[in-house]
């Protein structure tokens, strides 16, 4: 079984932030959670706002909680807002249903080994940074 090690999690954070810098995104915060939802690594660029860590973790936690990337959660929130509100309550409020929460798979279609949450720019740019970080660590991102 492929494991999300601390080294791989730190690679994801560094590569996501590097992608953001190269693309000239607004300052980002990146949270990497392992498969059980525990924080494995975190990084924030200078200039991020106060609650970005919680938002990044909420994107990743929501993806893990429902087994789908937060892009799919955003679609579900538009189609079934009461369900997503109820699930948000059920998981203690830690669910941010907008793109930027990406599942980490060891291989395409494989087992989920964690999730990444990125916040600070547009949701599409947050998701792109997450995918870049996951790819740099040799894993497959599943944005939903």
C-alpha atoms as a PDB file:
ATOM      1  CA  UNK A   1       0.000   0.000   0.000  1.00  0.00           C
ATOM      2  CA  UNK A   2       1.270   3.476  -0.866  1.00  0.00           C
ATOM      3  CA  UNK A   3       1.412   5.779   2.120  1.00  0.00           C
ATOM      4  CA  UNK A   4       1.148   9.537   2.384  1.00  0.00           C
ATOM      5  CA  UNK A   5       4.370  10.176   4.294  1.00  0.00           C
ATOM      6  CA  UNK A   6       5.351  13.448   5.923  1.00  0.00           C
ATOM      7  CA  UNK A   7       7.945  13.941   3.188  1.00  0.00           C
ATOM      8  CA  UNK A   8       5.332  13.486   0.436  1.00  0.00           C
ATOM      9  CA  UNK A   9       2.895  15.787   2.241  1.00  0.00           C
ATOM     10  CA  UNK A  10       5.576  18.469   2.503  1.00  0.00           C
ATOM     11  CA  UNK A  11       6.335  18.017  -1.204  1.00  0.00           C
ATOM     12  CA  UNK A  12       2.657  18.651  -1.967  1.00  0.00           C
ATOM     13  CA  UNK A  13       2.664  21.867   0.069  1.00  0.00           C
ATOM     14  CA  UNK A  14       5.919  23.148  -1.454  1.00  0.00           C
ATOM     15  CA  UNK A  15       4.915  22.325  -5.044  1.00  0.00           C
ATOM     16  CA  UNK A  16       1.441  23.843  -4.660  1.00  0.00           C
ATOM     17  CA  UNK A  17       2.935  27.068  -3.316  1.00  0.00           C
ATOM     18  CA  UNK A  18       5.590  27.085  -6.038  1.00  0.00           C
ATOM     19  CA  UNK A  19       2.847  26.685  -8.675  1.00  0.00           C
ATOM     20  CA  UNK A  20       0.992  29.612  -7.110  1.00  0.00           C
ATOM     21  CA  UNK A  21       4.094  31.789  -7.187  1.00  0.00           C
ATOM     22  CA  UNK A  22       4.905  30.945 -10.791  1.00  0.00           C
ATOM     23  CA  UNK A  23       1.299  31.611 -11.864  1.00  0.00           C
ATOM     24  CA  UNK A  24       1.174  34.816  -9.782  1.00  0.00           C
ATOM     25  CA  UNK A  25      -1.809  33.730  -7.722  1.00  0.00           C
ATOM     26  CA  UNK A  26      -2.862  35.576  -4.588  1.00  0.00           C
ATOM     27  CA  UNK A  27      -1.175  34.222  -1.422  1.00  0.00           C
ATOM     28  CA  UNK A  28      -2.328  30.661  -0.706  1.00  0.00           C
ATOM     29  CA  UNK A  29      -2.710  28.377   2.269  1.00  0.00           C
ATOM     30  CA  UNK A  30      -2.323  24.614   1.703  1.00  0.00           C
ATOM     31  CA  UNK A  31      -3.420  21.856   4.073  1.00  0.00           C
ATOM     32  CA  UNK A  32      -2.659  18.170   3.537  1.00  0.00           C
ATOM     33  CA  UNK A  33      -4.720  15.624   5.480  1.00  0.00           C
ATOM     34  CA  UNK A  34      -4.033  11.903   5.663  1.00  0.00           C
ATOM     35  CA  UNK A  35      -6.742   9.319   4.931  1.00  0.00           C
ATOM     36  CA  UNK A  36      -8.121   9.508   8.459  1.00  0.00           C
ATOM     37  CA  UNK A  37      -8.426  13.304   8.267  1.00  0.00           C
ATOM     38  CA  UNK A  38      -5.461  14.227  10.463  1.00  0.00           C
ATOM     39  CA  UNK A  39      -3.388  17.261   9.445  1.00  0.00           C
ATOM     40  CA  UNK A  40      -0.149  15.966   7.910  1.00  0.00           C
ATOM     41  CA  UNK A  41       1.368  19.207   6.578  1.00  0.00           C
ATOM     42  CA  UNK A  42       0.436  22.872   6.235  1.00  0.00           C
ATOM     43  CA  UNK A  43       1.942  25.942   4.661  1.00  0.00           C
ATOM     44  CA  UNK A  44       0.788  29.485   4.000  1.00  0.00           C
ATOM     45  CA  UNK A  45       2.397  32.183   1.939  1.00  0.00           C
ATOM     46  CA  UNK A  46       3.019  35.603   3.421  1.00  0.00           C
ATOM     47  CA  UNK A  47      -0.084  37.760   3.140  1.00  0.00           C
ATOM     48  CA  UNK A  48      -2.791  35.130   3.626  1.00  0.00           C
ATOM     49  CA  UNK A  49      -5.732  36.212   5.720  1.00  0.00           C
ATOM     50  CA  UNK A  50      -6.421  35.036   9.276  1.00  0.00           C
ATOM     51  CA  UNK A  51      -8.789  32.097   8.702  1.00  0.00           C
ATOM     52  CA  UNK A  52      -7.188  30.574   5.601  1.00  0.00           C
ATOM     53  CA  UNK A  53      -5.880  27.540   7.548  1.00  0.00           C
ATOM     54  CA  UNK A  54      -9.405  26.590   8.619  1.00  0.00           C
ATOM     55  CA  UNK A  55     -10.755  27.100   5.106  1.00  0.00           C
ATOM     56  CA  UNK A  56      -7.995  24.982   3.535  1.00  0.00           C
ATOM     57  CA  UNK A  57      -8.605  22.212   6.059  1.00  0.00           C
ATOM     58  CA  UNK A  58     -12.381  22.482   5.501  1.00  0.00           C
ATOM     59  CA  UNK A  59     -11.965  21.943   1.776  1.00  0.00           C
ATOM     60  CA  UNK A  60      -9.798  18.862   2.339  1.00  0.00           C
ATOM     61  CA  UNK A  61     -11.961  17.538   5.194  1.00  0.00           C
ATOM     62  CA  UNK A  62     -15.139  17.888   3.137  1.00  0.00           C
ATOM     63  CA  UNK A  63     -13.584  15.940   0.281  1.00  0.00           C
ATOM     64  CA  UNK A  64     -12.545  13.137   2.637  1.00  0.00           C
ATOM     65  CA  UNK A  65     -15.871  13.137   4.476  1.00  0.00           C
ATOM     66  CA  UNK A  66     -17.902  12.526   1.334  1.00  0.00           C
ATOM     67  CA  UNK A  67     -15.285  10.714  -0.732  1.00  0.00           C
ATOM     68  CA  UNK A  68     -15.313  13.221  -3.563  1.00  0.00           C
ATOM     69  CA  UNK A  69     -13.422  16.345  -4.463  1.00  0.00           C
ATOM     70  CA  UNK A  70     -14.908  19.663  -3.453  1.00  0.00           C
ATOM     71  CA  UNK A  71     -15.767  20.536  -7.062  1.00  0.00           C
ATOM     72  CA  UNK A  72     -18.391  17.772  -6.865  1.00  0.00           C
ATOM     73  CA  UNK A  73     -19.436  19.098  -3.461  1.00  0.00           C
ATOM     74  CA  UNK A  74     -20.005  22.533  -5.005  1.00  0.00           C
ATOM     75  CA  UNK A  75     -22.290  20.966  -7.587  1.00  0.00           C
ATOM     76  CA  UNK A  76     -24.129  19.058  -4.855  1.00  0.00           C
ATOM     77  CA  UNK A  77     -24.547  22.282  -2.853  1.00  0.00           C
ATOM     78  CA  UNK A  78     -26.208  23.935  -5.850  1.00  0.00           C
ATOM     79  CA  UNK A  79     -28.476  20.947  -6.519  1.00  0.00           C
ATOM     80  CA  UNK A  80     -29.176  19.849  -2.922  1.00  0.00           C
ATOM     81  CA  UNK A  81     -28.384  22.730  -0.563  1.00  0.00           C
ATOM     82  CA  UNK A  82     -30.251  21.229   2.408  1.00  0.00           C
ATOM     83  CA  UNK A  83     -28.262  17.994   2.175  1.00  0.00           C
ATOM     84  CA  UNK A  84     -24.915  19.793   2.058  1.00  0.00           C
ATOM     85  CA  UNK A  85     -25.959  22.023   4.958  1.00  0.00           C
ATOM     86  CA  UNK A  86     -26.906  18.935   6.981  1.00  0.00           C
ATOM     87  CA  UNK A  87     -23.635  17.176   6.160  1.00  0.00           C
ATOM     88  CA  UNK A  88     -21.699  20.323   7.082  1.00  0.00           C
ATOM     89  CA  UNK A  89     -23.398  20.211  10.471  1.00  0.00           C
ATOM     90  CA  UNK A  90     -22.761  16.464  10.820  1.00  0.00           C
ATOM     91  CA  UNK A  91     -19.007  16.910  10.287  1.00  0.00           C
ATOM     92  CA  UNK A  92     -18.756  19.722  12.802  1.00  0.00           C
ATOM     93  CA  UNK A  93     -18.833  22.573  10.283  1.00  0.00           C
ATOM     94  CA  UNK A  94     -15.599  21.529   8.586  1.00  0.00           C
ATOM     95  CA  UNK A  95     -16.844  21.310   5.010  1.00  0.00           C
ATOM     96  CA  UNK A  96     -16.217  24.030   2.424  1.00  0.00           C
ATOM     97  CA  UNK A  97     -18.133  23.063  -0.749  1.00  0.00           C
ATOM     98  CA  UNK A  98     -16.147  24.955  -3.394  1.00  0.00           C
ATOM     99  CA  UNK A  99     -13.290  23.768  -5.651  1.00  0.00           C
ATOM    100  CA  UNK A 100      -9.897  23.549  -4.013  1.00  0.00           C
ATOM    101  CA  UNK A 101     -10.382  20.341  -2.008  1.00  0.00           C
ATOM    102  CA  UNK A 102      -8.782  17.461  -3.912  1.00  0.00           C
ATOM    103  CA  UNK A 103      -8.576  13.792  -2.963  1.00  0.00           C
ATOM    104  CA  UNK A 104      -5.134  12.187  -3.162  1.00  0.00           C
ATOM    105  CA  UNK A 105      -5.052   8.759  -4.784  1.00  0.00           C
ATOM    106  CA  UNK A 106      -1.973   6.551  -4.974  1.00  0.00           C
ATOM    107  CA  UNK A 107      -2.913   5.779  -8.586  1.00  0.00           C
ATOM    108  CA  UNK A 108      -5.765   6.599 -10.979  1.00  0.00           C
ATOM    109  CA  UNK A 109      -8.939   5.022  -9.638  1.00  0.00           C
ATOM    110  CA  UNK A 110      -7.026   3.765  -6.622  1.00  0.00           C
ATOM    111  CA  UNK A 111      -7.538   4.064  -2.919  1.00  0.00           C
ATOM    112  CA  UNK A 112      -7.796   7.500  -1.299  1.00  0.00           C
ATOM    113  CA  UNK A 113      -4.716   8.150   0.834  1.00  0.00           C
ATOM    114  CA  UNK A 114      -5.493  11.740   1.811  1.00  0.00           C
ATOM    115  CA  UNK A 115      -6.736  15.111   0.612  1.00  0.00           C
ATOM    116  CA  UNK A 116      -5.393  18.583  -0.066  1.00  0.00           C
ATOM    117  CA  UNK A 117      -7.223  21.825   0.573  1.00  0.00           C
ATOM    118  CA  UNK A 118      -6.026  25.079  -0.968  1.00  0.00           C
ATOM    119  CA  UNK A 119      -7.458  28.553  -0.496  1.00  0.00           C
ATOM    120  CA  UNK A 120      -6.537  32.154  -1.216  1.00  0.00           C
ATOM    121  CA  UNK A 121      -7.221  32.762  -4.908  1.00  0.00           C
ATOM    122  CA  UNK A 122     -10.145  31.824  -7.129  1.00  0.00           C
ATOM    123  CA  UNK A 123     -11.489  28.337  -6.496  1.00  0.00           C
ATOM    124  CA  UNK A 124     -10.256  27.176  -9.917  1.00  0.00           C
ATOM    125  CA  UNK A 125      -6.749  28.460  -9.163  1.00  0.00           C
ATOM    126  CA  UNK A 126      -6.829  26.884  -5.705  1.00  0.00           C
ATOM    127  CA  UNK A 127      -7.697  23.551  -7.324  1.00  0.00           C
ATOM    128  CA  UNK A 128      -4.937  23.935  -9.937  1.00  0.00           C
ATOM    129  CA  UNK A 129      -2.356  24.499  -7.195  1.00  0.00           C
ATOM    130  CA  UNK A 130      -3.604  21.416  -5.304  1.00  0.00           C
ATOM    131  CA  UNK A 131      -3.366  19.272  -8.436  1.00  0.00           C
ATOM    132  CA  UNK A 132       0.165  20.539  -9.146  1.00  0.00           C
ATOM    133  CA  UNK A 133       1.266  19.667  -5.624  1.00  0.00           C
ATOM    134  CA  UNK A 134      -0.258  16.197  -5.744  1.00  0.00           C
ATOM    135  CA  UNK A 135       1.346  15.450  -9.126  1.00  0.00           C
ATOM    136  CA  UNK A 136       4.752  16.626  -7.856  1.00  0.00           C
ATOM    137  CA  UNK A 137       4.527  14.041  -5.072  1.00  0.00           C
ATOM    138  CA  UNK A 138       3.854  11.280  -7.601  1.00  0.00           C
ATOM    139  CA  UNK A 139       0.178  10.821  -6.761  1.00  0.00           C
ATOM    140  CA  UNK A 140      -3.077  11.342  -8.669  1.00  0.00           C
ATOM    141  CA  UNK A 141      -5.445  14.172  -7.761  1.00  0.00           C
ATOM    142  CA  UNK A 142      -9.212  13.681  -7.851  1.00  0.00           C
ATOM    143  CA  UNK A 143     -10.954  17.083  -7.782  1.00  0.00           C
ATOM    144  CA  UNK A 144     -14.443  15.640  -8.182  1.00  0.00           C
END
